Amino acid sequence: MVAAPLHLALAALGAAIAIGLIGFKATEATGRNPGAAGPILTLSIILAALCEGIFILTLFVAGK
């Protein structure tokens, strides 16, 4: 099957872009309000883990 590797590559690209945007916006938010760095860091780590979790779920579903 040719479609499965393409789907996995697109899922990996989407997860990488999402994690990059999360990091970018977390850095921007910390620059605007340094006092909120702790909660921003916590939320960004949780969101990055969720993005990776979706990619890992895609690996299991499309990797048959």
PDB file of N, CA and C in Angstrom:
ATOM      1  N   MET A   1       0.826  -1.192   0.000  1.00  0.00           N
ATOM      2  CA  MET A   1       0.000   0.000   0.000  1.00  0.00           C
ATOM      3  C   MET A   1       0.868   1.253   0.000  1.00  0.00           C
ATOM      4  N   VAL A   2       0.558   2.158  -0.872  1.00  0.00           N
ATOM      5  CA  VAL A   2       1.306   3.401  -0.960  1.00  0.00           C
ATOM      6  C   VAL A   2       0.679   4.478  -0.081  1.00  0.00           C
ATOM      7  N   ALA A   3      -0.608   4.375   0.178  1.00  0.00           N
ATOM      8  CA  ALA A   3      -1.317   5.436   0.894  1.00  0.00           C
ATOM      9  C   ALA A   3      -0.926   5.500   2.374  1.00  0.00           C
ATOM     10  N   ALA A   4      -0.621   4.379   2.991  1.00  0.00           N
ATOM     11  CA  ALA A   4      -0.320   4.382   4.425  1.00  0.00           C
ATOM     12  C   ALA A   4       0.914   5.226   4.761  1.00  0.00           C
ATOM     13  N   PRO A   5       2.033   5.099   4.046  1.00  0.00           N
ATOM     14  CA  PRO A   5       3.173   5.963   4.372  1.00  0.00           C
ATOM     15  C   PRO A   5       2.879   7.443   4.155  1.00  0.00           C
ATOM     16  N   LEU A   6       2.065   7.751   3.155  1.00  0.00           N
ATOM     17  CA  LEU A   6       1.709   9.146   2.913  1.00  0.00           C
ATOM     18  C   LEU A   6       0.877   9.688   4.072  1.00  0.00           C
ATOM     19  N   HIS A   7      -0.066   8.900   4.549  1.00  0.00           N
ATOM     20  CA  HIS A   7      -0.878   9.323   5.682  1.00  0.00           C
ATOM     21  C   HIS A   7      -0.026   9.516   6.937  1.00  0.00           C
ATOM     22  N   LEU A   8       0.906   8.623   7.153  1.00  0.00           N
ATOM     23  CA  LEU A   8       1.780   8.745   8.319  1.00  0.00           C
ATOM     24  C   LEU A   8       2.681   9.975   8.203  1.00  0.00           C
ATOM     25  N   ALA A   9       3.163  10.244   7.011  1.00  0.00           N
ATOM     26  CA  ALA A   9       4.008  11.425   6.822  1.00  0.00           C
ATOM     27  C   ALA A   9       3.213  12.709   7.050  1.00  0.00           C
ATOM     28  N   LEU A  10       1.981  12.750   6.562  1.00  0.00           N
ATOM     29  CA  LEU A  10       1.149  13.937   6.780  1.00  0.00           C
ATOM     30  C   LEU A  10       0.786  14.101   8.254  1.00  0.00           C
ATOM     31  N   ALA A  11       0.545  12.996   8.942  1.00  0.00           N
ATOM     32  CA  ALA A  11       0.253  13.078  10.378  1.00  0.00           C
ATOM     33  C   ALA A  11       1.473  13.566  11.151  1.00  0.00           C
ATOM     34  N   ALA A  12       2.652  13.084  10.785  1.00  0.00           N
ATOM     35  CA  ALA A  12       3.876  13.540  11.449  1.00  0.00           C
ATOM     36  C   ALA A  12       4.128  15.017  11.170  1.00  0.00           C
ATOM     37  N   LEU A  13       3.879  15.448   9.947  1.00  0.00           N
ATOM     38  CA  LEU A  13       4.052  16.860   9.603  1.00  0.00           C
ATOM     39  C   LEU A  13       3.075  17.735  10.385  1.00  0.00           C
ATOM     40  N   GLY A  14       1.832  17.287  10.479  1.00  0.00           N
ATOM     41  CA  GLY A  14       0.835  18.046  11.237  1.00  0.00           C
ATOM     42  C   GLY A  14       1.190  18.144  12.706  1.00  0.00           C
ATOM     43  N   ALA A  15       1.661  17.054  13.290  1.00  0.00           N
ATOM     44  CA  ALA A  15       2.053  17.071  14.700  1.00  0.00           C
ATOM     45  C   ALA A  15       3.265  17.980  14.916  1.00  0.00           C
ATOM     46  N   ALA A  16       4.219  17.946  14.003  1.00  0.00           N
ATOM     47  CA  ALA A  16       5.401  18.795  14.135  1.00  0.00           C
ATOM     48  C   ALA A  16       5.039  20.271  14.021  1.00  0.00           C
ATOM     49  N   ILE A  17       4.166  20.605  13.088  1.00  0.00           N
ATOM     50  CA  ILE A  17       3.737  21.996  12.947  1.00  0.00           C
ATOM     51  C   ILE A  17       2.972  22.443  14.186  1.00  0.00           C
ATOM     52  N   ALA A  18       2.104  21.584  14.700  1.00  0.00           N
ATOM     53  CA  ALA A  18       1.321  21.944  15.889  1.00  0.00           C
ATOM     54  C   ALA A  18       2.219  22.174  17.096  1.00  0.00           C
ATOM     55  N   ILE A  19       3.198  21.316  17.298  1.00  0.00           N
ATOM     56  CA  ILE A  19       4.100  21.481  18.438  1.00  0.00           C
ATOM     57  C   ILE A  19       4.947  22.741  18.261  1.00  0.00           C
ATOM     58  N   GLY A  20       5.355  23.026  17.034  1.00  0.00           N
ATOM     59  CA  GLY A  20       6.101  24.258  16.784  1.00  0.00           C
ATOM     60  C   GLY A  20       5.277  25.507  17.075  1.00  0.00           C
ATOM     61  N   LEU A  21       4.005  25.491  16.673  1.00  0.00           N
ATOM     62  CA  LEU A  21       3.134  26.625  16.957  1.00  0.00           C
ATOM     63  C   LEU A  21       2.873  26.782  18.451  1.00  0.00           C
ATOM     64  N   ILE A  22       2.733  25.670  19.147  1.00  0.00           N
ATOM     65  CA  ILE A  22       2.537  25.735  20.602  1.00  0.00           C
ATOM     66  C   ILE A  22       3.753  26.370  21.268  1.00  0.00           C
ATOM     67  N   GLY A  23       4.946  25.949  20.854  1.00  0.00           N
ATOM     68  CA  GLY A  23       6.160  26.526  21.428  1.00  0.00           C
ATOM     69  C   GLY A  23       6.308  28.000  21.095  1.00  0.00           C
ATOM     70  N   PHE A  24       5.981  28.360  19.872  1.00  0.00           N
ATOM     71  CA  PHE A  24       6.079  29.751  19.445  1.00  0.00           C
ATOM     72  C   PHE A  24       5.132  30.634  20.246  1.00  0.00           C
ATOM     73  N   LYS A  25       3.892  30.208  20.377  1.00  0.00           N
ATOM     74  CA  LYS A  25       2.909  31.022  21.089  1.00  0.00           C
ATOM     75  C   LYS A  25       3.189  31.034  22.598  1.00  0.00           C
ATOM     76  N   ALA A  26       3.715  29.946  23.140  1.00  0.00           N
ATOM     77  CA  ALA A  26       4.069  29.937  24.563  1.00  0.00           C
ATOM     78  C   ALA A  26       5.217  30.905  24.836  1.00  0.00           C
ATOM     79  N   THR A  27       6.190  30.947  23.936  1.00  0.00           N
ATOM     80  CA  THR A  27       7.291  31.895  24.084  1.00  0.00           C
ATOM     81  C   THR A  27       6.799  33.331  23.983  1.00  0.00           C
ATOM     82  N   GLU A  28       5.899  33.572  23.047  1.00  0.00           N
ATOM     83  CA  GLU A  28       5.342  34.905  22.881  1.00  0.00           C
ATOM     84  C   GLU A  28       4.529  35.317  24.110  1.00  0.00           C
ATOM     85  N   ALA A  29       3.741  34.406  24.649  1.00  0.00           N
ATOM     86  CA  ALA A  29       2.936  34.716  25.831  1.00  0.00           C
ATOM     87  C   ALA A  29       3.814  34.958  27.056  1.00  0.00           C
ATOM     88  N   THR A  30       4.903  34.204  27.183  1.00  0.00           N
ATOM     89  CA  THR A  30       5.815  34.411  28.305  1.00  0.00           C
ATOM     90  C   THR A  30       6.526  35.753  28.178  1.00  0.00           C
ATOM     91  N   GLY A  31       6.829  36.158  26.965  1.00  0.00           N
ATOM     92  CA  GLY A  31       7.453  37.463  26.752  1.00  0.00           C
ATOM     93  C   GLY A  31       6.524  38.612  27.117  1.00  0.00           C
ATOM     94  N   ARG A  32       5.245  38.415  26.883  1.00  0.00           N
ATOM     95  CA  ARG A  32       4.281  39.464  27.209  1.00  0.00           C
ATOM     96  C   ARG A  32       3.980  39.521  28.706  1.00  0.00           C
ATOM     97  N   ASN A  33       3.977  38.347  29.356  1.00  0.00           N
ATOM     98  CA  ASN A  33       3.648  38.290  30.783  1.00  0.00           C
ATOM     99  C   ASN A  33       4.589  37.301  31.474  1.00  0.00           C
ATOM    100  N   PRO A  34       5.778  37.728  31.880  1.00  0.00           N
ATOM    101  CA  PRO A  34       6.747  36.805  32.491  1.00  0.00           C
ATOM    102  C   PRO A  34       6.262  36.182  33.790  1.00  0.00           C
ATOM    103  N   GLY A  35       5.334  36.836  34.462  1.00  0.00           N
ATOM    104  CA  GLY A  35       4.831  36.280  35.715  1.00  0.00           C
ATOM    105  C   GLY A  35       3.996  35.030  35.533  1.00  0.00           C
ATOM    106  N   ALA A  36       3.482  34.829  34.347  1.00  0.00           N
ATOM    107  CA  ALA A  36       2.646  33.660  34.077  1.00  0.00           C
ATOM    108  C   ALA A  36       3.423  32.544  33.386  1.00  0.00           C
ATOM    109  N   ALA A  37       4.730  32.546  33.527  1.00  0.00           N
ATOM    110  CA  ALA A  37       5.553  31.561  32.817  1.00  0.00           C
ATOM    111  C   ALA A  37       5.276  30.133  33.274  1.00  0.00           C
ATOM    112  N   GLY A  38       5.016  29.939  34.548  1.00  0.00           N
ATOM    113  CA  GLY A  38       4.747  28.590  35.066  1.00  0.00           C
ATOM    114  C   GLY A  38       3.495  27.965  34.476  1.00  0.00           C
ATOM    115  N   PRO A  39       2.345  28.636  34.582  1.00  0.00           N
ATOM    116  CA  PRO A  39       1.137  28.055  33.985  1.00  0.00           C
ATOM    117  C   PRO A  39       1.206  27.913  32.464  1.00  0.00           C
ATOM    118  N   ILE A  40       1.887  28.848  31.793  1.00  0.00           N
ATOM    119  CA  ILE A  40       2.029  28.749  30.336  1.00  0.00           C
ATOM    120  C   ILE A  40       2.863  27.523  29.980  1.00  0.00           C
ATOM    121  N   LEU A  41       3.934  27.295  30.716  1.00  0.00           N
ATOM    122  CA  LEU A  41       4.783  26.132  30.463  1.00  0.00           C
ATOM    123  C   LEU A  41       4.007  24.841  30.683  1.00  0.00           C
ATOM    124  N   THR A  42       3.228  24.806  31.762  1.00  0.00           N
ATOM    125  CA  THR A  42       2.436  23.603  32.056  1.00  0.00           C
ATOM    126  C   THR A  42       1.445  23.313  30.936  1.00  0.00           C
ATOM    127  N   LEU A  43       0.723  24.335  30.498  1.00  0.00           N
ATOM    128  CA  LEU A  43      -0.249  24.138  29.421  1.00  0.00           C
ATOM    129  C   LEU A  43       0.420  23.749  28.112  1.00  0.00           C
ATOM    130  N   SER A  44       1.559  24.340  27.813  1.00  0.00           N
ATOM    131  CA  SER A  44       2.222  24.010  26.556  1.00  0.00           C
ATOM    132  C   SER A  44       2.750  22.577  26.565  1.00  0.00           C
ATOM    133  N   ILE A  45       3.222  22.097  27.698  1.00  0.00           N
ATOM    134  CA  ILE A  45       3.682  20.703  27.781  1.00  0.00           C
ATOM    135  C   ILE A  45       2.518  19.745  27.612  1.00  0.00           C
ATOM    136  N   ILE A  46       1.382  20.057  28.241  1.00  0.00           N
ATOM    137  CA  ILE A  46       0.191  19.204  28.104  1.00  0.00           C
ATOM    138  C   ILE A  46      -0.287  19.184  26.654  1.00  0.00           C
ATOM    139  N   LEU A  47      -0.345  20.346  26.012  1.00  0.00           N
ATOM    140  CA  LEU A  47      -0.810  20.404  24.627  1.00  0.00           C
ATOM    141  C   LEU A  47       0.153  19.702  23.670  1.00  0.00           C
ATOM    142  N   ALA A  48       1.448  19.832  23.908  1.00  0.00           N
ATOM    143  CA  ALA A  48       2.415  19.128  23.059  1.00  0.00           C
ATOM    144  C   ALA A  48       2.277  17.614  23.221  1.00  0.00           C
ATOM    145  N   ALA A  49       2.024  17.160  24.446  1.00  0.00           N
ATOM    146  CA  ALA A  49       1.826  15.726  24.667  1.00  0.00           C
ATOM    147  C   ALA A  49       0.562  15.232  23.978  1.00  0.00           C
ATOM    148  N   LEU A  50      -0.483  16.045  23.962  1.00  0.00           N
ATOM    149  CA  LEU A  50      -1.705  15.656  23.260  1.00  0.00           C
ATOM    150  C   LEU A  50      -1.483  15.577  21.755  1.00  0.00           C
ATOM    151  N   CYS A  51      -0.726  16.495  21.196  1.00  0.00           N
ATOM    152  CA  CYS A  51      -0.413  16.447  19.762  1.00  0.00           C
ATOM    153  C   CYS A  51       0.383  15.191  19.426  1.00  0.00           C
ATOM    154  N   GLU A  52       1.348  14.862  20.249  1.00  0.00           N
ATOM    155  CA  GLU A  52       2.120  13.638  20.016  1.00  0.00           C
ATOM    156  C   GLU A  52       1.268  12.405  20.191  1.00  0.00           C
ATOM    157  N   GLY A  53       0.340  12.453  21.141  1.00  0.00           N
ATOM    158  CA  GLY A  53      -0.561  11.323  21.355  1.00  0.00           C
ATOM    159  C   GLY A  53      -1.438  11.064  20.150  1.00  0.00           C
ATOM    160  N   ILE A  54      -1.894  12.125  19.506  1.00  0.00           N
ATOM    161  CA  ILE A  54      -2.698  11.952  18.300  1.00  0.00           C
ATOM    162  C   ILE A  54      -1.865  11.322  17.196  1.00  0.00           C
ATOM    163  N   PHE A  55      -0.607  11.715  17.087  1.00  0.00           N
ATOM    164  CA  PHE A  55       0.258  11.104  16.074  1.00  0.00           C
ATOM    165  C   PHE A  55       0.506   9.634  16.377  1.00  0.00           C
ATOM    166  N   ILE A  56       0.726   9.307  17.640  1.00  0.00           N
ATOM    167  CA  ILE A  56       0.951   7.897  18.006  1.00  0.00           C
ATOM    168  C   ILE A  56      -0.298   7.068  17.734  1.00  0.00           C
ATOM    169  N   LEU A  57      -1.481   7.652  17.984  1.00  0.00           N
ATOM    170  CA  LEU A  57      -2.728   6.966  17.653  1.00  0.00           C
ATOM    171  C   LEU A  57      -2.818   6.725  16.152  1.00  0.00           C
ATOM    172  N   THR A  58      -2.365   7.686  15.358  1.00  0.00           N
ATOM    173  CA  THR A  58      -2.356   7.517  13.903  1.00  0.00           C
ATOM    174  C   THR A  58      -1.410   6.394  13.501  1.00  0.00           C
ATOM    175  N   LEU A  59      -0.292   6.275  14.189  1.00  0.00           N
ATOM    176  CA  LEU A  59       0.634   5.175  13.889  1.00  0.00           C
ATOM    177  C   LEU A  59      -0.037   3.813  14.089  1.00  0.00           C
ATOM    178  N   PHE A  60      -0.800   3.687  15.162  1.00  0.00           N
ATOM    179  CA  PHE A  60      -1.455   2.411  15.431  1.00  0.00           C
ATOM    180  C   PHE A  60      -2.585   2.130  14.453  1.00  0.00           C
ATOM    181  N   VAL A  61      -3.332   3.166  14.080  1.00  0.00           N
ATOM    182  CA  VAL A  61      -4.470   2.947  13.195  1.00  0.00           C
ATOM    183  C   VAL A  61      -4.006   2.705  11.765  1.00  0.00           C
ATOM    184  N   ALA A  62      -3.093   3.517  11.256  1.00  0.00           N
ATOM    185  CA  ALA A  62      -2.666   3.403   9.864  1.00  0.00           C
ATOM    186  C   ALA A  62      -1.519   2.419   9.679  1.00  0.00           C
ATOM    187  N   GLY A  63      -0.909   2.005  10.746  1.00  0.00           N
ATOM    188  CA  GLY A  63       0.260   1.132  10.637  1.00  0.00           C
ATOM    189  C   GLY A  63      -0.060  -0.347  10.550  1.00  0.00           C
ATOM    190  N   LYS A  64      -1.320  -0.698  10.307  1.00  0.00           N
ATOM    191  CA  LYS A  64      -1.703  -2.124  10.223  1.00  0.00           C
ATOM    192  C   LYS A  64      -0.970  -2.832   9.129  1.00  0.00           C
TER     193      LYS A  64
END
